[in-house]
Amino acid sequence: MSLAYFLHVDGPEAGLADFQAWAEESFGAAVHRADADSCVEAFAPRSVDDPYLGKETGKLLIVQATFSSREALEHAIGGPEVSAALASIPRHQDARVTGEAFTLHACPLLDGSTPPRRAPVSFVVRYYRPIERERQFTDYYVGHHPPIMARFPGIRNIYCYLPVACKDLSSVAPSGSFLGNEIVFDSIEDLAAALNSDVRHDLRADYRHFLPHEGEVTHFAMLRRVLFPGVAD
C-alpha cells in the first residue's frame, strides 16, 4: 500500500500560474531530491458539468507526492529541502494552502483489476470534518460507493484516500479532510459522459444512506501531470 502527501491550494485564479511553477520548480524538485523513488504529480482544475453539483470553483492546484512507506514520506517531507520549499510557497491574497498524508487504496474495477493510474483526468472528492461517526461513515463509503463507481462507462481507476498519522511534517496547516476519493478517465469528455450516466443517479441514491455529516464536501475535475515519475505507483 502506498502513501501520499497532498498539498491543496485554494484561492482565486490569479495565483494559478505562480503556484504551478512553484509546484514543479521548488516543491516537486525538492521532494525528488529527497527521495528519487517518489512520484510527484500536479493536478490543475478543469471544467465539467455534473447534474447534481454544477461547477465548483476555487481549487487552484493539488500536488501529490507518493511514497512507498510512511518512513520515506516523513523523511522527505520533514527534511530540510522540502521544508525550505514549503517556506517559499507563493503568498497570494485569499489563497489557502493545506496539506495531509493519506494511505492510497486502489479499488477494483468491474473485472476485479486495479491497474496503474495512467489516464490523465481525475474527479477528486474530499470530505472534511466535523463529523461525529467518522469511522462508520468511512467504512460505509469505502464498502458501498466504489463498487457503484466501477460501473461508470470509461472509468480507468478508483481510489479511496484515508488519513494516516505522521510526525509533524511541516508548517502547512492540515485541511481537516478525513476521506478522499478519485475516479480517473481518459478525457474530460469521458468524465462528463460518466457523470451524466445512470450510474451517477445510483451514486446519489447511495449518498442518501450516508451517516450525518456536517463538514464540507468538494468535487473537482482536474488534469493530472507527472512532474517527477519516480517508481512509486
Protein backbone atom coordinates (compact mmCIF):
# COMPACT_ATOMS: atom_id res chain seq x y z
CA MET A 1 0.00 0.00 0.00
CA SER A 2 1.37 3.42 -0.98
CA LEU A 3 1.15 6.64 0.99
CA ALA A 4 0.95 10.15 -0.36
CA TYR A 5 1.36 13.67 0.88
CA PHE A 6 -1.13 16.07 -0.69
CA LEU A 7 -0.85 19.82 -0.92
CA HIS A 8 -4.10 21.63 -1.69
CA VAL A 9 -4.12 25.22 -2.91
CA ASP A 10 -7.46 27.04 -2.86
CA GLY A 11 -7.99 30.59 -3.99
CA PRO A 12 -8.61 32.96 -6.92
CA GLU A 13 -7.38 32.03 -10.39
CA ALA A 14 -4.95 34.95 -10.44
CA GLY A 15 -2.44 32.86 -8.49
CA LEU A 16 -2.62 29.71 -10.61
CA ALA A 17 0.49 30.24 -12.74
CA ASP A 18 2.67 31.13 -9.76
CA PHE A 19 1.56 28.09 -7.77
CA GLN A 20 2.01 25.75 -10.73
CA ALA A 21 5.55 27.00 -11.32
CA TRP A 22 6.35 26.66 -7.59
CA ALA A 23 4.97 23.10 -7.53
CA GLU A 24 7.32 21.94 -10.26
CA GLU A 25 10.43 24.07 -9.78
CA SER A 26 10.53 24.21 -5.98
CA PHE A 27 8.36 21.70 -4.13
CA GLY A 28 8.39 18.86 -6.66
CA ALA A 29 12.11 19.20 -7.30
CA ALA A 30 12.84 19.22 -3.55
CA VAL A 31 10.76 16.07 -2.98
CA HIS A 32 12.56 14.36 -5.87
CA ARG A 33 15.98 15.27 -4.45
CA ALA A 34 14.96 14.00 -1.01
CA ASP A 35 13.59 10.69 -2.36
CA ALA A 36 14.26 9.88 -6.02
CA ASP A 37 11.88 6.90 -5.79
CA SER A 38 8.88 9.11 -5.03
CA CYS A 39 6.40 10.14 -7.70
CA VAL A 40 5.31 13.79 -7.79
CA GLU A 41 2.21 14.84 -9.75
CA ALA A 42 0.28 18.08 -10.13
CA PHE A 43 -3.46 18.42 -10.70
CA ALA A 44 -4.86 21.55 -12.37
CA PRO A 45 -8.58 22.38 -12.46
CA ARG A 46 -10.80 21.74 -15.46
CA SER A 47 -14.49 22.40 -16.05
CA VAL A 48 -17.08 19.64 -16.25
CA ASP A 49 -20.86 19.52 -15.89
CA ASP A 50 -22.27 17.45 -13.05
CA PRO A 51 -26.07 17.04 -12.98
CA TYR A 52 -26.15 17.26 -9.18
CA LEU A 53 -23.35 19.65 -8.30
CA GLY A 54 -22.93 22.07 -11.19
CA LYS A 55 -19.46 23.61 -11.49
CA GLU A 56 -17.38 24.14 -8.37
CA THR A 57 -14.62 26.76 -8.39
CA GLY A 58 -11.78 27.79 -6.12
CA LYS A 59 -9.37 24.87 -6.41
CA LEU A 60 -6.11 26.12 -7.91
CA LEU A 61 -3.85 23.13 -7.56
CA ILE A 62 -3.28 19.76 -5.91
CA VAL A 63 0.22 18.32 -5.66
CA GLN A 64 0.56 14.63 -4.81
CA ALA A 65 3.87 13.14 -3.68
CA THR A 66 3.61 9.35 -3.44
CA PHE A 67 5.96 7.21 -1.33
CA SER A 68 6.49 3.52 -0.68
CA SER A 69 6.34 3.84 3.13
CA ARG A 70 5.49 6.20 5.96
CA GLU A 71 9.17 6.40 6.85
CA ALA A 72 10.05 7.57 3.33
CA LEU A 73 7.24 10.14 3.41
CA GLU A 74 8.27 11.53 6.79
CA HIS A 75 11.94 11.64 5.82
CA ALA A 76 11.27 13.57 2.60
CA ILE A 77 8.50 15.95 3.68
CA GLY A 78 10.11 16.66 7.04
CA GLY A 79 13.58 17.13 5.59
CA PRO A 80 15.38 20.46 5.15
CA GLU A 81 15.00 20.74 1.35
CA VAL A 82 11.25 20.21 1.32
CA SER A 83 10.82 22.38 4.40
CA ALA A 84 12.63 25.19 2.59
CA ALA A 85 10.44 24.70 -0.48
CA LEU A 86 7.29 24.84 1.64
CA ALA A 87 8.54 28.06 3.22
CA SER A 88 8.77 29.56 -0.28
CA ILE A 89 5.12 28.96 -1.21
CA PRO A 90 3.81 31.97 -3.17
CA ARG A 91 1.90 34.39 -0.96
CA HIS A 92 -1.28 35.42 -2.72
CA GLN A 93 -4.12 37.24 -1.09
CA ASP A 94 -7.01 34.91 -0.29
CA ALA A 95 -5.04 31.79 -1.27
CA ARG A 96 -5.06 28.96 1.28
CA VAL A 97 -2.54 26.10 1.33
CA THR A 98 -3.21 22.92 3.33
CA GLY A 99 -1.61 19.51 3.45
CA GLU A 100 -2.19 15.99 4.70
CA ALA A 101 -0.87 12.44 4.44
CA PHE A 102 -3.16 9.68 3.18
CA THR A 103 -2.95 5.98 2.54
CA LEU A 104 -3.96 5.16 -1.03
CA HIS A 105 -6.45 2.34 -1.52
CA ALA A 106 -6.91 1.19 -5.12
CA CYS A 107 -10.47 -0.11 -5.54
CA PRO A 108 -11.22 -2.81 -8.13
CA LEU A 109 -12.90 -2.18 -11.45
CA LEU A 110 -15.70 -4.44 -12.66
CA ASP A 111 -13.23 -7.05 -13.87
CA GLY A 112 -11.54 -7.12 -10.48
CA SER A 113 -8.39 -5.36 -11.67
CA THR A 114 -6.59 -2.39 -10.08
CA PRO A 115 -4.43 -1.11 -12.96
CA PRO A 116 -1.79 1.62 -12.57
CA ARG A 117 -3.04 5.18 -12.92
CA ARG A 118 -2.12 6.26 -16.44
CA ALA A 119 -5.17 8.21 -17.68
CA PRO A 120 -4.81 11.98 -17.07
CA VAL A 121 -8.27 13.20 -15.95
CA SER A 122 -9.44 12.83 -12.36
CA PHE A 123 -12.59 13.72 -10.47
CA VAL A 124 -11.26 14.48 -7.00
CA VAL A 125 -13.55 14.40 -3.94
CA ARG A 126 -12.74 15.41 -0.36
CA TYR A 127 -14.86 15.08 2.80
CA TYR A 128 -14.00 17.42 5.67
CA ARG A 129 -14.62 17.42 9.39
CA PRO A 130 -16.63 17.99 11.55
CA ILE A 131 -18.30 14.62 11.65
CA GLU A 132 -19.45 12.61 14.66
CA ARG A 133 -19.07 8.99 13.49
CA GLU A 134 -16.06 9.28 11.21
CA ARG A 135 -15.07 5.60 11.19
CA GLN A 136 -18.59 4.36 10.50
CA PHE A 137 -19.04 6.94 7.72
CA THR A 138 -15.77 5.93 6.09
CA ASP A 139 -16.49 2.20 6.38
CA TYR A 140 -19.85 2.61 4.66
CA TYR A 141 -18.41 4.82 1.92
CA VAL A 142 -15.49 2.52 1.08
CA GLY A 143 -17.70 -0.55 1.17
CA HIS A 144 -20.57 0.79 -0.95
CA HIS A 145 -19.55 3.74 -3.15
CA PRO A 146 -16.59 2.34 -5.17
CA PRO A 147 -18.49 -0.77 -6.40
CA ILE A 148 -21.08 1.58 -7.90
CA MET A 149 -18.35 3.81 -9.39
CA ALA A 150 -16.89 0.74 -11.08
CA ARG A 151 -19.95 0.71 -13.35
CA PHE A 152 -19.13 4.15 -14.81
CA PRO A 153 -18.56 3.92 -18.57
CA GLY A 154 -14.92 4.51 -19.46
CA ILE A 155 -13.59 4.50 -15.89
CA ARG A 156 -9.88 3.66 -15.57
CA ASN A 157 -9.19 3.83 -11.82
CA ILE A 158 -10.92 4.23 -8.48
CA TYR A 159 -9.10 5.32 -5.32
CA CYS A 160 -10.09 5.97 -1.74
CA TYR A 161 -7.76 8.02 0.47
CA LEU A 162 -7.70 7.64 4.25
CA PRO A 163 -5.63 9.82 6.61
CA VAL A 164 -2.53 8.34 8.21
CA ALA A 165 -0.87 9.55 11.38
CA CYS A 166 2.57 11.00 10.70
CA LYS A 167 5.04 13.11 12.60
CA ASP A 168 4.54 16.86 12.33
CA LEU A 169 5.88 17.22 8.81
CA SER A 170 5.77 20.90 8.02
CA SER A 171 4.33 24.27 8.87
CA VAL A 172 1.50 23.69 6.36
CA ALA A 173 -1.88 23.63 8.06
CA PRO A 174 -3.93 20.42 7.88
CA SER A 175 -7.03 20.60 5.72
CA GLY A 176 -9.25 18.60 8.06
CA SER A 177 -10.11 16.08 5.36
CA PHE A 178 -10.96 12.63 6.69
CA LEU A 179 -11.77 10.89 3.39
CA GLY A 180 -10.79 11.30 -0.23
CA ASN A 181 -11.96 9.71 -3.43
CA GLU A 182 -10.68 9.87 -7.00
CA ILE A 183 -12.07 8.42 -10.22
CA VAL A 184 -9.91 8.52 -13.34
CA PHE A 185 -10.76 8.83 -17.05
CA ASP A 186 -9.02 9.28 -20.39
CA SER A 187 -10.59 12.68 -21.12
CA ILE A 188 -12.90 15.39 -19.80
CA GLU A 189 -15.46 14.19 -22.33
CA ASP A 190 -15.36 10.67 -20.86
CA LEU A 191 -15.71 12.08 -17.35
CA ALA A 192 -18.68 14.21 -18.41
CA ALA A 193 -20.34 11.19 -20.04
CA ALA A 194 -19.89 9.18 -16.83
CA LEU A 195 -21.25 11.93 -14.60
CA ASN A 196 -24.31 12.21 -16.82
CA SER A 197 -24.93 8.45 -16.93
CA ASP A 198 -27.44 6.47 -14.88
CA VAL A 199 -24.60 5.41 -12.58
CA ARG A 200 -24.40 8.98 -11.26
CA HIS A 201 -28.03 8.73 -10.17
CA ASP A 202 -27.28 5.43 -8.39
CA LEU A 203 -24.41 7.11 -6.53
CA ARG A 204 -26.71 9.91 -5.43
CA ALA A 205 -29.18 7.33 -4.16
CA ASP A 206 -26.40 5.68 -2.15
CA TYR A 207 -25.33 9.10 -0.84
CA ARG A 208 -28.70 9.39 0.86
CA HIS A 209 -27.71 6.41 3.05
CA PHE A 210 -24.58 8.15 4.39
CA LEU A 211 -24.42 8.95 8.09
CA PRO A 212 -24.96 12.61 9.05
CA HIS A 213 -22.03 14.79 8.05
CA GLU A 214 -21.67 18.48 8.90
CA GLY A 215 -18.40 19.24 7.11
CA GLU A 216 -17.82 20.48 3.59
CA VAL A 217 -17.62 18.16 0.58
CA THR A 218 -15.76 19.24 -2.56
CA HIS A 219 -15.70 17.77 -6.06
CA PHE A 220 -13.26 18.96 -8.73
CA ALA A 221 -12.44 17.79 -12.24
CA MET A 222 -8.68 18.01 -12.68
CA LEU A 223 -5.99 17.30 -15.25
CA ARG A 224 -3.04 15.38 -13.81
CA ARG A 225 0.55 15.92 -14.95
CA VAL A 226 3.55 13.89 -13.81
CA LEU A 227 6.34 16.20 -12.64
CA PHE A 228 8.80 13.52 -11.44
CA PRO A 229 7.91 9.89 -12.20
CA GLY A 230 9.98 8.10 -9.54
CA VAL A 231 8.98 4.47 -9.01
CA ALA A 232 6.03 4.83 -6.60
CA ASP A 233 2.78 3.90 -8.32
